[in-house]
Amino acid sequence: MSEDATPRLGLPVLHFGQAAKEQTHNEALALLDIVVAGVVEDVGVNVPPADPAVGQCWIVGDEPVAEWAGNARAIAGWTDGGWRFVPATPGLSVWCTQRARRVAFAGEWEDGVVRARRVIVDGIPVIGARQPAIVAPVAGATIDVEARVAVDAILNAMRAHGLIG
């Protein structure tokens, strides 16, 4: 941690004997209010909205202009004191109301990407790690063409969804 800000979110820190500590404290609270259980209106917006409501936030695009210039990819939050910016850091995620899904920062803002080792629904594992390839049937004593077409379709769907190699 630097003497003036926290290392991840750049929140201002208080100093011994500091005058007007409430200003530093309130600034840190305003920034935390933007990212804790964060919600943004939309992602990749370059032009600040004309009439934002206090508490509304956006993820700034790659080519911001006007009051957002110099804050590409940051979260811009409108407060009663004007715009506040929280730089994107790996692991930061927010809910996007326009898209009705979560977006997360992993070097860039990822829209709707879910990273997991497995998915469990109601205590039942439904998707796990990718399995090795399954060879489609090619021979046999009795060949059922319709069954073989169905098996090929299932295997192709599993490959397309990344479930098997």
C-alpha atoms as a PDB file:
ATOM      1  CA  MET A   1       0.000   0.000   0.000  1.00  0.00           C
ATOM      2  CA  SER A   2       1.287   3.440  -0.885  1.00  0.00           C
ATOM      3  CA  GLU A   3       1.144   6.209   1.633  1.00  0.00           C
ATOM      4  CA  ASP A   4      -1.899   7.758  -0.031  1.00  0.00           C
ATOM      5  CA  ALA A   5      -4.018   4.963  -1.537  1.00  0.00           C
ATOM      6  CA  THR A   6      -4.847   1.288  -1.222  1.00  0.00           C
ATOM      7  CA  PRO A   7      -3.102  -0.958  -3.770  1.00  0.00           C
ATOM      8  CA  ARG A   8      -6.099  -2.530  -5.562  1.00  0.00           C
ATOM      9  CA  LEU A   9      -8.853   0.068  -5.753  1.00  0.00           C
ATOM     10  CA  GLY A  10      -6.807   3.200  -5.074  1.00  0.00           C
ATOM     11  CA  LEU A  11      -8.986   4.151  -2.107  1.00  0.00           C
ATOM     12  CA  PRO A  12      -7.640   7.163  -0.194  1.00  0.00           C
ATOM     13  CA  VAL A  13      -6.217   6.386   3.239  1.00  0.00           C
ATOM     14  CA  LEU A  14      -6.229   8.444   6.416  1.00  0.00           C
ATOM     15  CA  HIS A  15      -2.983   9.759   7.934  1.00  0.00           C
ATOM     16  CA  PHE A  16      -2.116  10.520  11.550  1.00  0.00           C
ATOM     17  CA  GLY A  17      -2.736  14.169  12.282  1.00  0.00           C
ATOM     18  CA  GLN A  18      -4.484  14.691   8.949  1.00  0.00           C
ATOM     19  CA  ALA A  19      -6.826  17.652   8.760  1.00  0.00           C
ATOM     20  CA  ALA A  20     -10.298  17.149   7.291  1.00  0.00           C
ATOM     21  CA  LYS A  21     -10.192  13.354   7.638  1.00  0.00           C
ATOM     22  CA  GLU A  22     -13.900  13.210   6.882  1.00  0.00           C
ATOM     23  CA  GLN A  23     -13.215  14.262   3.280  1.00  0.00           C
ATOM     24  CA  THR A  24     -10.776  11.394   2.748  1.00  0.00           C
ATOM     25  CA  HIS A  25     -13.121   8.973   4.493  1.00  0.00           C
ATOM     26  CA  ASN A  26     -16.131  10.124   2.448  1.00  0.00           C
ATOM     27  CA  GLU A  27     -14.149   9.835  -0.803  1.00  0.00           C
ATOM     28  CA  ALA A  28     -13.264   6.229   0.067  1.00  0.00           C
ATOM     29  CA  LEU A  29     -16.918   5.496   0.873  1.00  0.00           C
ATOM     30  CA  ALA A  30     -18.044   7.001  -2.448  1.00  0.00           C
ATOM     31  CA  LEU A  31     -15.634   4.739  -4.358  1.00  0.00           C
ATOM     32  CA  LEU A  32     -16.653   1.676  -2.341  1.00  0.00           C
ATOM     33  CA  ASP A  33     -20.302   2.472  -3.048  1.00  0.00           C
ATOM     34  CA  ILE A  34     -19.526   2.176  -6.762  1.00  0.00           C
ATOM     35  CA  VAL A  35     -17.893  -1.273  -6.631  1.00  0.00           C
ATOM     36  CA  VAL A  36     -19.302  -3.184  -3.645  1.00  0.00           C
ATOM     37  CA  ALA A  37     -22.258  -5.144  -5.051  1.00  0.00           C
ATOM     38  CA  GLY A  38     -21.695  -3.016  -8.150  1.00  0.00           C
ATOM     39  CA  VAL A  39     -24.332  -2.351 -10.787  1.00  0.00           C
ATOM     40  CA  VAL A  40     -23.691  -0.542 -14.083  1.00  0.00           C
ATOM     41  CA  GLU A  41     -26.144   0.715 -16.666  1.00  0.00           C
ATOM     42  CA  ASP A  42     -24.084  -0.480 -19.651  1.00  0.00           C
ATOM     43  CA  VAL A  43     -20.599  -1.503 -20.796  1.00  0.00           C
ATOM     44  CA  GLY A  44     -18.270   0.217 -23.260  1.00  0.00           C
ATOM     45  CA  VAL A  45     -19.870   3.659 -23.190  1.00  0.00           C
ATOM     46  CA  ASN A  46     -17.545   6.444 -24.379  1.00  0.00           C
ATOM     47  CA  VAL A  47     -19.763   9.506 -23.950  1.00  0.00           C
ATOM     48  CA  PRO A  48     -20.958  10.490 -20.463  1.00  0.00           C
ATOM     49  CA  PRO A  49     -24.757  10.616 -20.184  1.00  0.00           C
ATOM     50  CA  ALA A  50     -26.280  14.093 -20.182  1.00  0.00           C
ATOM     51  CA  ASP A  51     -28.377  13.751 -17.037  1.00  0.00           C
ATOM     52  CA  PRO A  52     -27.242  10.850 -14.814  1.00  0.00           C
ATOM     53  CA  ALA A  53     -28.931  10.116 -11.505  1.00  0.00           C
ATOM     54  CA  VAL A  54     -26.837   9.983  -8.351  1.00  0.00           C
ATOM     55  CA  GLY A  55     -25.647   6.398  -7.930  1.00  0.00           C
ATOM     56  CA  GLN A  56     -25.762   5.433 -11.603  1.00  0.00           C
ATOM     57  CA  CYS A  57     -22.595   3.857 -13.024  1.00  0.00           C
ATOM     58  CA  TRP A  58     -21.231   2.859 -16.430  1.00  0.00           C
ATOM     59  CA  ILE A  59     -18.198   0.967 -17.668  1.00  0.00           C
ATOM     60  CA  VAL A  60     -16.243   3.420 -19.775  1.00  0.00           C
ATOM     61  CA  GLY A  61     -15.296   2.326 -23.299  1.00  0.00           C
ATOM     62  CA  ASP A  62     -11.860   2.301 -24.928  1.00  0.00           C
ATOM     63  CA  GLU A  63     -12.134   5.836 -26.384  1.00  0.00           C
ATOM     64  CA  PRO A  64     -13.797   8.026 -23.749  1.00  0.00           C
ATOM     65  CA  VAL A  65     -14.447  11.706 -24.336  1.00  0.00           C
ATOM     66  CA  ALA A  66     -15.429  14.791 -22.349  1.00  0.00           C
ATOM     67  CA  GLU A  67     -15.412  14.281 -18.578  1.00  0.00           C
ATOM     68  CA  TRP A  68     -14.527  10.591 -19.029  1.00  0.00           C
ATOM     69  CA  ALA A  69     -11.357  11.235 -21.085  1.00  0.00           C
ATOM     70  CA  GLY A  70      -8.373   9.362 -19.689  1.00  0.00           C
ATOM     71  CA  ASN A  71     -10.523   6.789 -17.851  1.00  0.00           C
ATOM     72  CA  ALA A  72     -10.842   4.008 -20.441  1.00  0.00           C
ATOM     73  CA  ARG A  73     -12.319   0.761 -19.050  1.00  0.00           C
ATOM     74  CA  ALA A  74     -12.899   2.268 -15.582  1.00  0.00           C
ATOM     75  CA  ILE A  75     -16.221   2.239 -13.804  1.00  0.00           C
ATOM     76  CA  ALA A  76     -17.641   5.773 -13.868  1.00  0.00           C
ATOM     77  CA  GLY A  77     -20.054   6.560 -11.068  1.00  0.00           C
ATOM     78  CA  TRP A  78     -22.112   9.730 -10.776  1.00  0.00           C
ATOM     79  CA  THR A  79     -22.171  11.095  -7.216  1.00  0.00           C
ATOM     80  CA  ASP A  80     -23.458  14.287  -5.659  1.00  0.00           C
ATOM     81  CA  GLY A  81     -19.863  15.527  -6.036  1.00  0.00           C
ATOM     82  CA  GLY A  82     -19.576  14.677  -9.738  1.00  0.00           C
ATOM     83  CA  TRP A  83     -17.917  11.773 -11.546  1.00  0.00           C
ATOM     84  CA  ARG A  84     -15.808   9.286  -9.623  1.00  0.00           C
ATOM     85  CA  PHE A  85     -13.768   6.597 -11.375  1.00  0.00           C
ATOM     86  CA  VAL A  86     -12.701   3.166 -10.186  1.00  0.00           C
ATOM     87  CA  PRO A  87     -10.008   1.629 -12.397  1.00  0.00           C
ATOM     88  CA  ALA A  88     -10.707  -1.889 -13.658  1.00  0.00           C
ATOM     89  CA  THR A  89      -8.710  -4.522 -11.785  1.00  0.00           C
ATOM     90  CA  PRO A  90      -8.615  -8.285 -12.420  1.00  0.00           C
ATOM     91  CA  GLY A  91     -11.495  -9.998 -10.646  1.00  0.00           C
ATOM     92  CA  LEU A  92     -13.737  -6.938 -10.480  1.00  0.00           C
ATOM     93  CA  SER A  93     -17.274  -7.845 -11.524  1.00  0.00           C
ATOM     94  CA  VAL A  94     -20.559  -5.969 -11.677  1.00  0.00           C
ATOM     95  CA  TRP A  95     -24.139  -6.567 -12.771  1.00  0.00           C
ATOM     96  CA  CYS A  96     -25.088  -4.839 -16.043  1.00  0.00           C
ATOM     97  CA  THR A  97     -28.754  -3.807 -16.090  1.00  0.00           C
ATOM     98  CA  GLN A  98     -28.874  -3.223 -19.871  1.00  0.00           C
ATOM     99  CA  ARG A  99     -27.623  -6.746 -20.591  1.00  0.00           C
ATOM    100  CA  ALA A 100     -29.212  -8.448 -17.551  1.00  0.00           C
ATOM    101  CA  ARG A 101     -26.024 -10.357 -16.739  1.00  0.00           C
ATOM    102  CA  ARG A 102     -22.703 -10.082 -14.943  1.00  0.00           C
ATOM    103  CA  VAL A 103     -19.604  -8.642 -16.566  1.00  0.00           C
ATOM    104  CA  ALA A 104     -16.123  -9.199 -15.145  1.00  0.00           C
ATOM    105  CA  PHE A 105     -12.684  -7.763 -15.752  1.00  0.00           C
ATOM    106  CA  ALA A 106      -9.894 -10.182 -16.703  1.00  0.00           C
ATOM    107  CA  GLY A 107      -7.554  -7.921 -18.671  1.00  0.00           C
ATOM    108  CA  GLU A 108     -10.644  -6.712 -20.531  1.00  0.00           C
ATOM    109  CA  TRP A 109     -14.335  -6.577 -19.645  1.00  0.00           C
ATOM    110  CA  GLU A 110     -15.899  -9.969 -20.387  1.00  0.00           C
ATOM    111  CA  ASP A 111     -19.620  -9.915 -21.064  1.00  0.00           C
ATOM    112  CA  GLY A 112     -21.477 -12.932 -19.680  1.00  0.00           C
ATOM    113  CA  VAL A 113     -18.418 -15.193 -19.433  1.00  0.00           C
ATOM    114  CA  VAL A 114     -18.575 -17.732 -16.598  1.00  0.00           C
ATOM    115  CA  ARG A 115     -15.354 -19.382 -15.513  1.00  0.00           C
ATOM    116  CA  ALA A 116     -15.660 -22.485 -13.373  1.00  0.00           C
ATOM    117  CA  ARG A 117     -14.329 -25.994 -12.866  1.00  0.00           C
ATOM    118  CA  ARG A 118     -17.824 -27.388 -12.589  1.00  0.00           C
ATOM    119  CA  VAL A 119     -21.449 -26.333 -12.232  1.00  0.00           C
ATOM    120  CA  ILE A 120     -23.651 -27.679  -9.457  1.00  0.00           C
ATOM    121  CA  VAL A 121     -27.423 -27.147  -9.472  1.00  0.00           C
ATOM    122  CA  ASP A 122     -29.417 -28.106  -6.356  1.00  0.00           C
ATOM    123  CA  GLY A 123     -26.462 -30.144  -5.112  1.00  0.00           C
ATOM    124  CA  ILE A 124     -26.184 -32.130  -8.356  1.00  0.00           C
ATOM    125  CA  PRO A 125     -23.102 -31.684 -10.573  1.00  0.00           C
ATOM    126  CA  VAL A 126     -24.419 -30.917 -14.069  1.00  0.00           C
ATOM    127  CA  ILE A 127     -21.258 -29.853 -15.900  1.00  0.00           C
ATOM    128  CA  GLY A 128     -17.718 -30.844 -15.004  1.00  0.00           C
ATOM    129  CA  ALA A 129     -14.285 -30.673 -16.563  1.00  0.00           C
ATOM    130  CA  ARG A 130     -13.942 -31.432 -20.259  1.00  0.00           C
ATOM    131  CA  GLN A 131     -13.651 -35.135 -20.974  1.00  0.00           C
ATOM    132  CA  PRO A 132     -11.448 -36.851 -23.560  1.00  0.00           C
ATOM    133  CA  ALA A 133     -12.667 -37.355 -27.105  1.00  0.00           C
ATOM    134  CA  ILE A 134     -15.157 -40.150 -27.838  1.00  0.00           C
ATOM    135  CA  VAL A 135     -14.673 -41.989 -31.095  1.00  0.00           C
ATOM    136  CA  ALA A 136     -17.783 -42.249 -33.251  1.00  0.00           C
ATOM    137  CA  PRO A 137     -18.798 -45.808 -34.185  1.00  0.00           C
ATOM    138  CA  VAL A 138     -17.639 -46.909 -37.646  1.00  0.00           C
ATOM    139  CA  ALA A 139     -18.179 -50.683 -37.808  1.00  0.00           C
ATOM    140  CA  GLY A 140     -20.011 -53.512 -36.098  1.00  0.00           C
ATOM    141  CA  ALA A 141     -21.862 -56.774 -36.721  1.00  0.00           C
ATOM    142  CA  THR A 142     -25.195 -54.987 -37.000  1.00  0.00           C
ATOM    143  CA  ILE A 143     -25.348 -51.432 -38.263  1.00  0.00           C
ATOM    144  CA  ASP A 144     -28.349 -49.330 -37.304  1.00  0.00           C
ATOM    145  CA  VAL A 145     -28.107 -46.260 -39.537  1.00  0.00           C
ATOM    146  CA  GLU A 146     -30.650 -44.196 -37.576  1.00  0.00           C
ATOM    147  CA  ALA A 147     -28.940 -44.952 -34.251  1.00  0.00           C
ATOM    148  CA  ARG A 148     -25.544 -44.114 -35.735  1.00  0.00           C
ATOM    149  CA  VAL A 149     -26.870 -40.760 -37.021  1.00  0.00           C
ATOM    150  CA  ALA A 150     -28.265 -40.021 -33.548  1.00  0.00           C
ATOM    151  CA  VAL A 151     -24.980 -40.946 -31.823  1.00  0.00           C
ATOM    152  CA  ASP A 152     -23.022 -38.760 -34.279  1.00  0.00           C
ATOM    153  CA  ALA A 153     -25.382 -35.834 -33.594  1.00  0.00           C
ATOM    154  CA  ILE A 154     -24.939 -36.244 -29.820  1.00  0.00           C
ATOM    155  CA  LEU A 155     -21.149 -36.431 -30.118  1.00  0.00           C
ATOM    156  CA  ASN A 156     -21.064 -33.375 -32.420  1.00  0.00           C
ATOM    157  CA  ALA A 157     -23.224 -31.391 -29.975  1.00  0.00           C
ATOM    158  CA  MET A 158     -20.957 -32.378 -27.061  1.00  0.00           C
ATOM    159  CA  ARG A 159     -17.891 -31.292 -29.048  1.00  0.00           C
ATOM    160  CA  ALA A 160     -19.538 -28.013 -30.082  1.00  0.00           C
ATOM    161  CA  HIS A 161     -20.296 -27.233 -26.425  1.00  0.00           C
ATOM    162  CA  GLY A 162     -16.748 -28.121 -25.384  1.00  0.00           C
ATOM    163  CA  LEU A 163     -17.830 -31.027 -23.213  1.00  0.00           C
ATOM    164  CA  ILE A 164     -15.558 -33.525 -25.006  1.00  0.00           C
ATOM    165  CA  GLY A 165     -12.423 -33.205 -27.080  1.00  0.00           C
END
